[in-house]
Amino acid sequence: MQTSGEQSNNKKARLVVKRTDRLLIAWDIIICIIFAVVGVLVAYLVPGIVNSFPRAESQAQLAMQFVLGVLLGCVSSVVKIILMRISLEKILDMEKDGAASRGKLHAFGRFGVTLCAVIVAICLPRIFDIFGLVAGILSLQLAALIVSRYPMENDKFDSKGNKLYFHSKKRLS
């Protein structure tokens, strides 16, 4: 059974997870839009790029394939963010013994989402560009990097300017 202090910490952790979830999704979508715009510009501005991609017959088709690949990667990233939030909420309710194994199981589920997106892009190369898919999937890592540097309204900092997580003296690495 959890004490009232642990319940209070869980409530704070849930708020952090919820805010971080929203920020990650927003930044992920912004980064995917940037990747899609850059891909379209490259498809139209780089001469002879269509010849490098045998599955594209025109610049418009190459641009569309790239944008659809980014869209597929972005959708898989957003699904992974949602699954991560659900996983963290369930783990916060569990005892310490089962939380680690449950976390690993959920991580495999998120990996499965990425694997499904890659399989779809490989099986449908005339629709989804694999480079666009990779850009969409990597947008989650860039979004996580941005959000980790993003100050929250209740953040506390130590004398050296390091963020204190959950208002403790330890700094997470």
N, C-alpha and C. Protein backbone atom coordinates (compact mmCIF):
# COMPACT_ATOMS: atom_id res chain seq x y z
N MET A 1 0.83 -1.18 0.00
CA MET A 1 0.00 0.00 0.00
C MET A 1 0.88 1.24 0.00
N GLN A 2 0.43 2.28 -0.68
CA GLN A 2 1.21 3.50 -0.78
C GLN A 2 0.85 4.46 0.35
N THR A 3 1.87 5.14 0.85
CA THR A 3 1.64 6.15 1.88
C THR A 3 1.13 7.42 1.24
N SER A 4 0.70 8.36 2.07
CA SER A 4 0.18 9.62 1.53
C SER A 4 1.29 10.42 0.83
N GLY A 5 2.52 10.29 1.29
CA GLY A 5 3.63 10.97 0.62
C GLY A 5 3.90 10.40 -0.76
N GLU A 6 3.82 9.07 -0.87
CA GLU A 6 4.01 8.44 -2.17
C GLU A 6 2.88 8.80 -3.12
N GLN A 7 1.65 8.88 -2.61
CA GLN A 7 0.52 9.26 -3.44
C GLN A 7 0.68 10.69 -3.93
N SER A 8 1.19 11.57 -3.06
CA SER A 8 1.42 12.96 -3.46
C SER A 8 2.49 13.04 -4.55
N ASN A 9 3.55 12.25 -4.38
CA ASN A 9 4.59 12.22 -5.41
C ASN A 9 4.06 11.66 -6.72
N ASN A 10 3.19 10.63 -6.64
CA ASN A 10 2.59 10.07 -7.85
C ASN A 10 1.72 11.10 -8.55
N LYS A 11 1.00 11.89 -7.78
CA LYS A 11 0.16 12.93 -8.37
C LYS A 11 1.01 13.97 -9.10
N LYS A 12 2.11 14.36 -8.47
CA LYS A 12 3.02 15.31 -9.12
C LYS A 12 3.63 14.71 -10.38
N ALA A 13 4.02 13.44 -10.28
CA ALA A 13 4.61 12.76 -11.43
C ALA A 13 3.61 12.66 -12.58
N ARG A 14 2.33 12.41 -12.26
CA ARG A 14 1.30 12.34 -13.30
C ARG A 14 1.14 13.68 -14.01
N LEU A 15 1.21 14.77 -13.24
CA LEU A 15 1.11 16.10 -13.86
C LEU A 15 2.28 16.36 -14.80
N VAL A 16 3.47 15.96 -14.36
CA VAL A 16 4.66 16.13 -15.21
C VAL A 16 4.53 15.30 -16.47
N VAL A 17 4.06 14.06 -16.34
CA VAL A 17 3.90 13.17 -17.50
C VAL A 17 2.89 13.77 -18.47
N LYS A 18 1.79 14.30 -17.96
CA LYS A 18 0.75 14.86 -18.82
C LYS A 18 1.26 16.09 -19.57
N ARG A 19 1.96 17.00 -18.87
CA ARG A 19 2.50 18.19 -19.54
C ARG A 19 3.56 17.81 -20.56
N THR A 20 4.43 16.88 -20.18
CA THR A 20 5.49 16.47 -21.09
C THR A 20 4.91 15.78 -22.32
N ASP A 21 3.87 15.00 -22.13
CA ASP A 21 3.18 14.32 -23.23
C ASP A 21 2.68 15.34 -24.25
N ARG A 22 2.01 16.35 -23.79
CA ARG A 22 1.48 17.38 -24.69
C ARG A 22 2.60 18.13 -25.41
N LEU A 23 3.64 18.48 -24.68
CA LEU A 23 4.76 19.19 -25.31
C LEU A 23 5.45 18.31 -26.35
N LEU A 24 5.66 17.03 -26.03
CA LEU A 24 6.30 16.13 -26.99
C LEU A 24 5.49 16.00 -28.27
N ILE A 25 4.19 15.85 -28.14
CA ILE A 25 3.35 15.73 -29.34
C ILE A 25 3.41 17.01 -30.17
N ALA A 26 3.33 18.16 -29.51
CA ALA A 26 3.37 19.43 -30.24
C ALA A 26 4.70 19.61 -30.97
N TRP A 27 5.79 19.37 -30.27
CA TRP A 27 7.10 19.53 -30.90
C TRP A 27 7.33 18.49 -31.99
N ASP A 28 6.84 17.29 -31.79
CA ASP A 28 6.99 16.25 -32.80
C ASP A 28 6.29 16.66 -34.09
N ILE A 29 5.09 17.19 -33.98
CA ILE A 29 4.34 17.62 -35.16
C ILE A 29 5.04 18.80 -35.84
N ILE A 30 5.54 19.75 -35.05
CA ILE A 30 6.26 20.90 -35.62
C ILE A 30 7.49 20.44 -36.39
N ILE A 31 8.25 19.54 -35.80
CA ILE A 31 9.47 19.05 -36.46
C ILE A 31 9.12 18.26 -37.72
N CYS A 32 8.06 17.48 -37.69
CA CYS A 32 7.64 16.73 -38.89
C CYS A 32 7.23 17.68 -40.00
N ILE A 33 6.55 18.76 -39.65
CA ILE A 33 6.17 19.75 -40.67
C ILE A 33 7.42 20.37 -41.29
N ILE A 34 8.40 20.69 -40.46
CA ILE A 34 9.66 21.25 -40.97
C ILE A 34 10.34 20.26 -41.90
N PHE A 35 10.42 18.98 -41.49
CA PHE A 35 11.03 17.96 -42.34
C PHE A 35 10.29 17.83 -43.67
N ALA A 36 8.97 17.85 -43.63
CA ALA A 36 8.18 17.71 -44.86
C ALA A 36 8.43 18.89 -45.80
N VAL A 37 8.47 20.10 -45.26
CA VAL A 37 8.72 21.29 -46.08
C VAL A 37 10.12 21.23 -46.69
N VAL A 38 11.10 20.85 -45.90
CA VAL A 38 12.47 20.74 -46.42
C VAL A 38 12.54 19.66 -47.51
N GLY A 39 11.85 18.54 -47.31
CA GLY A 39 11.84 17.48 -48.32
C GLY A 39 11.21 17.93 -49.63
N VAL A 40 10.12 18.67 -49.54
CA VAL A 40 9.48 19.19 -50.76
C VAL A 40 10.41 20.18 -51.47
N LEU A 41 11.03 21.05 -50.70
CA LEU A 41 11.97 22.02 -51.30
C LEU A 41 13.14 21.31 -51.98
N VAL A 42 13.68 20.30 -51.34
CA VAL A 42 14.79 19.55 -51.94
C VAL A 42 14.33 18.85 -53.22
N ALA A 43 13.14 18.28 -53.19
CA ALA A 43 12.62 17.57 -54.37
C ALA A 43 12.46 18.50 -55.56
N TYR A 44 12.08 19.75 -55.30
CA TYR A 44 11.85 20.68 -56.40
C TYR A 44 13.08 21.51 -56.76
N LEU A 45 13.98 21.73 -55.82
CA LEU A 45 15.09 22.64 -56.09
C LEU A 45 16.39 21.96 -56.48
N VAL A 46 16.55 20.69 -56.17
CA VAL A 46 17.79 19.99 -56.52
C VAL A 46 17.59 19.33 -57.88
N PRO A 47 18.33 19.79 -58.89
CA PRO A 47 18.15 19.22 -60.23
C PRO A 47 18.66 17.78 -60.29
N GLY A 48 17.91 16.94 -60.96
CA GLY A 48 18.32 15.57 -61.18
C GLY A 48 18.10 14.64 -60.00
N ILE A 49 17.45 15.11 -58.95
CA ILE A 49 17.26 14.25 -57.78
C ILE A 49 16.28 13.12 -58.08
N VAL A 50 15.36 13.34 -59.01
CA VAL A 50 14.39 12.30 -59.35
C VAL A 50 15.10 11.09 -59.96
N ASN A 51 16.20 11.33 -60.69
CA ASN A 51 16.95 10.23 -61.29
C ASN A 51 17.62 9.35 -60.23
N SER A 52 17.85 9.90 -59.04
CA SER A 52 18.48 9.13 -57.97
C SER A 52 17.50 8.17 -57.30
N PHE A 53 16.21 8.41 -57.47
CA PHE A 53 15.19 7.58 -56.85
C PHE A 53 14.36 6.92 -57.94
N PRO A 54 14.64 5.65 -58.25
CA PRO A 54 13.97 5.00 -59.38
C PRO A 54 12.47 4.81 -59.18
N ARG A 55 11.97 4.88 -57.95
CA ARG A 55 10.54 4.67 -57.73
C ARG A 55 9.72 5.93 -57.98
N ALA A 56 10.39 7.05 -58.16
CA ALA A 56 9.67 8.31 -58.41
C ALA A 56 9.83 8.68 -59.87
N GLU A 57 8.72 9.03 -60.50
CA GLU A 57 8.75 9.38 -61.91
C GLU A 57 8.81 10.89 -62.14
N SER A 58 8.46 11.65 -61.13
CA SER A 58 8.50 13.11 -61.26
C SER A 58 8.86 13.72 -59.92
N GLN A 59 9.13 15.02 -59.96
CA GLN A 59 9.45 15.72 -58.72
C GLN A 59 8.25 15.75 -57.77
N ALA A 60 7.07 15.89 -58.33
CA ALA A 60 5.87 15.92 -57.50
C ALA A 60 5.66 14.58 -56.81
N GLN A 61 5.89 13.49 -57.52
CA GLN A 61 5.71 12.17 -56.92
C GLN A 61 6.76 11.93 -55.84
N LEU A 62 8.00 12.35 -56.10
CA LEU A 62 9.06 12.21 -55.10
C LEU A 62 8.73 13.01 -53.85
N ALA A 63 8.25 14.23 -54.03
CA ALA A 63 7.89 15.07 -52.89
C ALA A 63 6.73 14.45 -52.11
N MET A 64 5.74 13.93 -52.82
CA MET A 64 4.59 13.33 -52.16
C MET A 64 4.98 12.07 -51.38
N GLN A 65 5.85 11.24 -51.97
CA GLN A 65 6.32 10.04 -51.27
C GLN A 65 7.06 10.42 -49.99
N PHE A 66 7.89 11.45 -50.07
CA PHE A 66 8.65 11.88 -48.90
C PHE A 66 7.70 12.40 -47.82
N VAL A 67 6.74 13.23 -48.21
CA VAL A 67 5.79 13.79 -47.24
C VAL A 67 4.97 12.68 -46.60
N LEU A 68 4.54 11.69 -47.38
CA LEU A 68 3.78 10.58 -46.82
C LEU A 68 4.65 9.73 -45.88
N GLY A 69 5.93 9.59 -46.22
CA GLY A 69 6.85 8.89 -45.31
C GLY A 69 7.01 9.63 -43.99
N VAL A 70 7.16 10.95 -44.07
CA VAL A 70 7.26 11.76 -42.85
C VAL A 70 5.96 11.65 -42.05
N LEU A 71 4.83 11.68 -42.74
CA LEU A 71 3.54 11.56 -42.06
C LEU A 71 3.42 10.21 -41.34
N LEU A 72 3.81 9.13 -42.00
CA LEU A 72 3.77 7.81 -41.36
C LEU A 72 4.69 7.77 -40.15
N GLY A 73 5.89 8.32 -40.28
CA GLY A 73 6.82 8.37 -39.15
C GLY A 73 6.29 9.23 -38.01
N CYS A 74 5.65 10.34 -38.36
CA CYS A 74 5.08 11.23 -37.34
C CYS A 74 3.93 10.54 -36.60
N VAL A 75 3.08 9.85 -37.33
CA VAL A 75 1.97 9.14 -36.69
C VAL A 75 2.51 8.06 -35.76
N SER A 76 3.53 7.33 -36.19
CA SER A 76 4.09 6.30 -35.32
C SER A 76 4.74 6.93 -34.08
N SER A 77 5.36 8.09 -34.24
CA SER A 77 5.96 8.78 -33.09
C SER A 77 4.89 9.25 -32.10
N VAL A 78 3.80 9.79 -32.60
CA VAL A 78 2.73 10.25 -31.72
C VAL A 78 2.10 9.05 -30.99
N VAL A 79 1.92 7.94 -31.69
CA VAL A 79 1.39 6.74 -31.05
C VAL A 79 2.34 6.27 -29.95
N LYS A 80 3.65 6.32 -30.21
CA LYS A 80 4.62 5.92 -29.20
C LYS A 80 4.58 6.84 -27.98
N ILE A 81 4.37 8.13 -28.21
CA ILE A 81 4.27 9.07 -27.08
C ILE A 81 3.05 8.73 -26.23
N ILE A 82 1.93 8.47 -26.88
CA ILE A 82 0.71 8.12 -26.14
C ILE A 82 0.89 6.81 -25.38
N LEU A 83 1.50 5.82 -26.02
CA LEU A 83 1.75 4.55 -25.34
C LEU A 83 2.71 4.73 -24.17
N MET A 84 3.68 5.61 -24.32
CA MET A 84 4.63 5.87 -23.23
C MET A 84 3.91 6.50 -22.04
N ARG A 85 3.01 7.44 -22.31
CA ARG A 85 2.25 8.06 -21.23
C ARG A 85 1.39 7.02 -20.51
N ILE A 86 0.70 6.19 -21.25
CA ILE A 86 -0.12 5.14 -20.64
C ILE A 86 0.74 4.20 -19.81
N SER A 87 1.89 3.84 -20.34
CA SER A 87 2.81 2.97 -19.63
C SER A 87 3.28 3.59 -18.32
N LEU A 88 3.66 4.86 -18.36
CA LEU A 88 4.14 5.53 -17.15
C LEU A 88 3.03 5.66 -16.11
N GLU A 89 1.81 5.92 -16.55
CA GLU A 89 0.70 6.02 -15.60
C GLU A 89 0.44 4.68 -14.93
N LYS A 90 0.52 3.59 -15.68
CA LYS A 90 0.32 2.27 -15.08
C LYS A 90 1.45 1.91 -14.13
N ILE A 91 2.67 2.24 -14.52
CA ILE A 91 3.83 1.91 -13.69
C ILE A 91 3.80 2.70 -12.38
N LEU A 92 3.31 3.92 -12.40
CA LEU A 92 3.23 4.71 -11.17
C LEU A 92 2.30 4.08 -10.14
N ASP A 93 1.32 3.31 -10.60
CA ASP A 93 0.38 2.66 -9.70
C ASP A 93 0.91 1.33 -9.16
N MET A 94 1.97 0.82 -9.73
CA MET A 94 2.45 -0.51 -9.37
C MET A 94 3.48 -0.44 -8.24
N GLU A 95 3.70 -1.61 -7.65
CA GLU A 95 4.78 -1.76 -6.68
C GLU A 95 6.10 -1.82 -7.45
N LYS A 96 7.20 -1.62 -6.74
CA LYS A 96 8.50 -1.55 -7.39
C LYS A 96 8.90 -2.87 -8.06
N ASP A 97 8.46 -3.98 -7.49
CA ASP A 97 8.88 -5.29 -8.03
C ASP A 97 8.41 -5.51 -9.46
N GLY A 98 7.15 -5.25 -9.73
CA GLY A 98 6.60 -5.52 -11.05
C GLY A 98 6.77 -4.38 -12.05
N ALA A 99 7.18 -3.21 -11.57
CA ALA A 99 7.25 -2.04 -12.44
C ALA A 99 8.33 -2.19 -13.51
N ALA A 100 9.46 -2.76 -13.15
CA ALA A 100 10.56 -2.89 -14.12
C ALA A 100 10.19 -3.82 -15.27
N SER A 101 9.60 -4.97 -14.93
CA SER A 101 9.23 -5.91 -16.00
C SER A 101 8.10 -5.35 -16.86
N ARG A 102 7.17 -4.64 -16.24
CA ARG A 102 6.08 -4.02 -17.00
C ARG A 102 6.63 -2.94 -17.93
N GLY A 103 7.62 -2.17 -17.45
CA GLY A 103 8.23 -1.13 -18.28
C GLY A 103 8.92 -1.71 -19.50
N LYS A 104 9.61 -2.84 -19.31
CA LYS A 104 10.27 -3.49 -20.44
C LYS A 104 9.26 -4.01 -21.46
N LEU A 105 8.16 -4.55 -20.96
CA LEU A 105 7.12 -5.05 -21.84
C LEU A 105 6.51 -3.92 -22.68
N HIS A 106 6.26 -2.79 -22.05
CA HIS A 106 5.71 -1.65 -22.78
C HIS A 106 6.73 -1.09 -23.78
N ALA A 107 8.01 -1.15 -23.44
CA ALA A 107 9.04 -0.69 -24.38
C ALA A 107 9.04 -1.54 -25.65
N PHE A 108 8.84 -2.85 -25.49
CA PHE A 108 8.74 -3.71 -26.67
C PHE A 108 7.52 -3.36 -27.50
N GLY A 109 6.44 -2.97 -26.86
CA GLY A 109 5.24 -2.54 -27.58
C GLY A 109 5.50 -1.30 -28.42
N ARG A 110 6.23 -0.35 -27.84
CA ARG A 110 6.56 0.87 -28.59
C ARG A 110 7.51 0.54 -29.74
N PHE A 111 8.43 -0.39 -29.52
CA PHE A 111 9.31 -0.83 -30.59
C PHE A 111 8.50 -1.49 -31.71
N GLY A 112 7.46 -2.21 -31.34
CA GLY A 112 6.59 -2.86 -32.32
C GLY A 112 5.89 -1.84 -33.21
N VAL A 113 5.52 -0.69 -32.65
CA VAL A 113 4.90 0.37 -33.45
C VAL A 113 5.87 0.86 -34.52
N THR A 114 7.12 1.08 -34.12
CA THR A 114 8.13 1.50 -35.09
C THR A 114 8.36 0.43 -36.14
N LEU A 115 8.43 -0.81 -35.71
CA LEU A 115 8.64 -1.91 -36.64
C LEU A 115 7.50 -2.01 -37.65
N CYS A 116 6.27 -1.84 -37.20
CA CYS A 116 5.12 -1.87 -38.12
C CYS A 116 5.22 -0.76 -39.16
N ALA A 117 5.61 0.45 -38.73
CA ALA A 117 5.74 1.57 -39.66
C ALA A 117 6.83 1.27 -40.70
N VAL A 118 7.94 0.70 -40.27
CA VAL A 118 9.02 0.36 -41.21
C VAL A 118 8.56 -0.71 -42.19
N ILE A 119 7.86 -1.71 -41.71
CA ILE A 119 7.37 -2.78 -42.60
C ILE A 119 6.39 -2.21 -43.63
N VAL A 120 5.50 -1.32 -43.20
CA VAL A 120 4.56 -0.71 -44.14
C VAL A 120 5.32 0.07 -45.21
N ALA A 121 6.33 0.85 -44.81
CA ALA A 121 7.08 1.64 -45.77
C ALA A 121 7.89 0.77 -46.73
N ILE A 122 8.40 -0.34 -46.24
CA ILE A 122 9.16 -1.24 -47.11
C ILE A 122 8.23 -1.97 -48.08
N CYS A 123 7.05 -2.36 -47.61
CA CYS A 123 6.11 -3.09 -48.47
C CYS A 123 5.41 -2.18 -49.49
N LEU A 124 5.32 -0.90 -49.21
CA LEU A 124 4.67 0.04 -50.12
C LEU A 124 5.64 1.16 -50.53
N PRO A 125 6.71 0.82 -51.27
CA PRO A 125 7.72 1.83 -51.59
C PRO A 125 7.24 2.90 -52.57
N ARG A 126 6.19 2.62 -53.33
CA ARG A 126 5.67 3.63 -54.26
C ARG A 126 4.80 4.66 -53.55
N ILE A 127 4.46 4.41 -52.30
CA ILE A 127 3.63 5.35 -51.54
C ILE A 127 4.46 6.08 -50.49
N PHE A 128 5.28 5.33 -49.73
CA PHE A 128 6.04 5.92 -48.62
C PHE A 128 7.54 5.87 -48.93
N ASP A 129 8.19 7.02 -48.78
CA ASP A 129 9.64 7.08 -48.93
C ASP A 129 10.28 6.70 -47.60
N ILE A 130 11.26 5.80 -47.65
CA ILE A 130 11.90 5.32 -46.43
C ILE A 130 12.67 6.43 -45.73
N PHE A 131 13.24 7.36 -46.51
CA PHE A 131 13.97 8.47 -45.88
C PHE A 131 13.01 9.41 -45.15
N GLY A 132 11.83 9.60 -45.70
CA GLY A 132 10.82 10.40 -45.01
C GLY A 132 10.36 9.71 -43.74
N LEU A 133 10.22 8.39 -43.79
CA LEU A 133 9.83 7.64 -42.60
C LEU A 133 10.88 7.79 -41.50
N VAL A 134 12.14 7.66 -41.88
CA VAL A 134 13.22 7.80 -40.89
C VAL A 134 13.20 9.21 -40.29
N ALA A 135 12.97 10.22 -41.13
CA ALA A 135 12.89 11.59 -40.61
C ALA A 135 11.73 11.74 -39.64
N GLY A 136 10.59 11.14 -39.96
CA GLY A 136 9.43 11.21 -39.07
C GLY A 136 9.66 10.49 -37.76
N ILE A 137 10.33 9.35 -37.82
CA ILE A 137 10.62 8.60 -36.59
C ILE A 137 11.64 9.35 -35.74
N LEU A 138 12.66 9.93 -36.37
CA LEU A 138 13.68 10.66 -35.61
C LEU A 138 13.16 11.98 -35.05
N SER A 139 12.02 12.44 -35.54
CA SER A 139 11.46 13.67 -35.00
C SER A 139 11.13 13.53 -33.52
N LEU A 140 10.80 12.31 -33.08
CA LEU A 140 10.52 12.09 -31.67
C LEU A 140 11.76 12.33 -30.82
N GLN A 141 12.92 11.89 -31.30
CA GLN A 141 14.14 12.11 -30.54
C GLN A 141 14.48 13.60 -30.46
N LEU A 142 14.29 14.31 -31.57
CA LEU A 142 14.53 15.76 -31.54
C LEU A 142 13.54 16.47 -30.62
N ALA A 143 12.29 16.05 -30.66
CA ALA A 143 11.28 16.64 -29.78
C ALA A 143 11.63 16.38 -28.32
N ALA A 144 12.08 15.18 -28.02
CA ALA A 144 12.47 14.85 -26.64
C ALA A 144 13.65 15.70 -26.19
N LEU A 145 14.59 15.94 -27.09
CA LEU A 145 15.73 16.79 -26.75
C LEU A 145 15.27 18.21 -26.46
N ILE A 146 14.37 18.73 -27.27
CA ILE A 146 13.87 20.09 -27.07
C ILE A 146 13.07 20.18 -25.77
N VAL A 147 12.20 19.22 -25.53
CA VAL A 147 11.36 19.25 -24.33
C VAL A 147 12.19 19.09 -23.06
N SER A 148 13.27 18.30 -23.13
CA SER A 148 14.11 18.14 -21.95
C SER A 148 14.81 19.44 -21.57
N ARG A 149 14.99 20.33 -22.52
CA ARG A 149 15.61 21.63 -22.25
C ARG A 149 14.57 22.71 -22.00
N TYR A 150 13.30 22.35 -22.13
CA TYR A 150 12.21 23.31 -22.02
C TYR A 150 11.85 23.51 -20.55
N PRO A 151 11.99 24.72 -20.01
CA PRO A 151 11.69 24.91 -18.59
C PRO A 151 10.18 24.86 -18.33
N MET A 152 9.79 24.18 -17.28
CA MET A 152 8.40 24.12 -16.87
C MET A 152 8.15 25.19 -15.81
N GLU A 153 6.91 25.53 -15.60
CA GLU A 153 6.58 26.63 -14.70
C GLU A 153 6.95 26.35 -13.25
N ASN A 154 6.96 25.09 -12.82
CA ASN A 154 7.26 24.77 -11.43
C ASN A 154 8.67 24.22 -11.24
N ASP A 155 9.51 24.33 -12.25
CA ASP A 155 10.86 23.79 -12.14
C ASP A 155 11.66 24.56 -11.09
N LYS A 156 12.49 23.82 -10.39
CA LYS A 156 13.40 24.41 -9.41
C LYS A 156 14.82 24.13 -9.89
N PHE A 157 15.73 25.06 -9.60
CA PHE A 157 17.11 24.93 -10.03
C PHE A 157 18.03 25.07 -8.83
N ASP A 158 19.15 24.36 -8.87
CA ASP A 158 20.11 24.50 -7.79
C ASP A 158 21.00 25.71 -8.05
N SER A 159 21.99 25.93 -7.18
CA SER A 159 22.83 27.12 -7.29
C SER A 159 23.67 27.15 -8.56
N LYS A 160 23.90 25.98 -9.18
CA LYS A 160 24.69 25.93 -10.41
C LYS A 160 23.84 26.04 -11.66
N GLY A 161 22.52 26.14 -11.50
CA GLY A 161 21.63 26.24 -12.65
C GLY A 161 21.13 24.92 -13.17
N ASN A 162 21.44 23.81 -12.47
CA ASN A 162 20.96 22.49 -12.88
C ASN A 162 19.53 22.31 -12.41
N LYS A 163 18.71 21.71 -13.27
CA LYS A 163 17.31 21.48 -12.92
C LYS A 163 17.20 20.41 -11.85
N LEU A 164 16.41 20.69 -10.83
CA LEU A 164 16.14 19.69 -9.79
C LEU A 164 14.86 18.97 -10.17
N TYR A 165 14.94 17.66 -10.30
CA TYR A 165 13.79 16.86 -10.71
C TYR A 165 13.00 16.43 -9.48
N PHE A 166 11.72 16.66 -9.50
CA PHE A 166 10.82 16.36 -8.39
C PHE A 166 11.31 17.02 -7.11
N HIS A 167 11.95 18.16 -7.26
CA HIS A 167 12.40 18.99 -6.15
C HIS A 167 13.32 18.23 -5.19
N SER A 168 14.10 17.36 -5.74
CA SER A 168 15.08 16.65 -4.91
C SER A 168 16.44 17.25 -5.17
N LYS A 169 17.40 16.82 -4.42
CA LYS A 169 18.76 17.32 -4.59
C LYS A 169 19.51 16.58 -5.69
N LYS A 170 18.97 15.45 -6.17
CA LYS A 170 19.65 14.66 -7.20
C LYS A 170 19.31 15.22 -8.58
N ARG A 171 20.30 15.22 -9.43
CA ARG A 171 20.07 15.61 -10.83
C ARG A 171 20.13 14.34 -11.66
N LEU A 172 19.07 14.11 -12.43
CA LEU A 172 19.05 12.92 -13.30
C LEU A 172 19.94 13.12 -14.48
N SER A 173 20.61 12.06 -14.93
CA SER A 173 21.50 12.17 -16.09
C SER A 173 20.82 11.65 -17.30
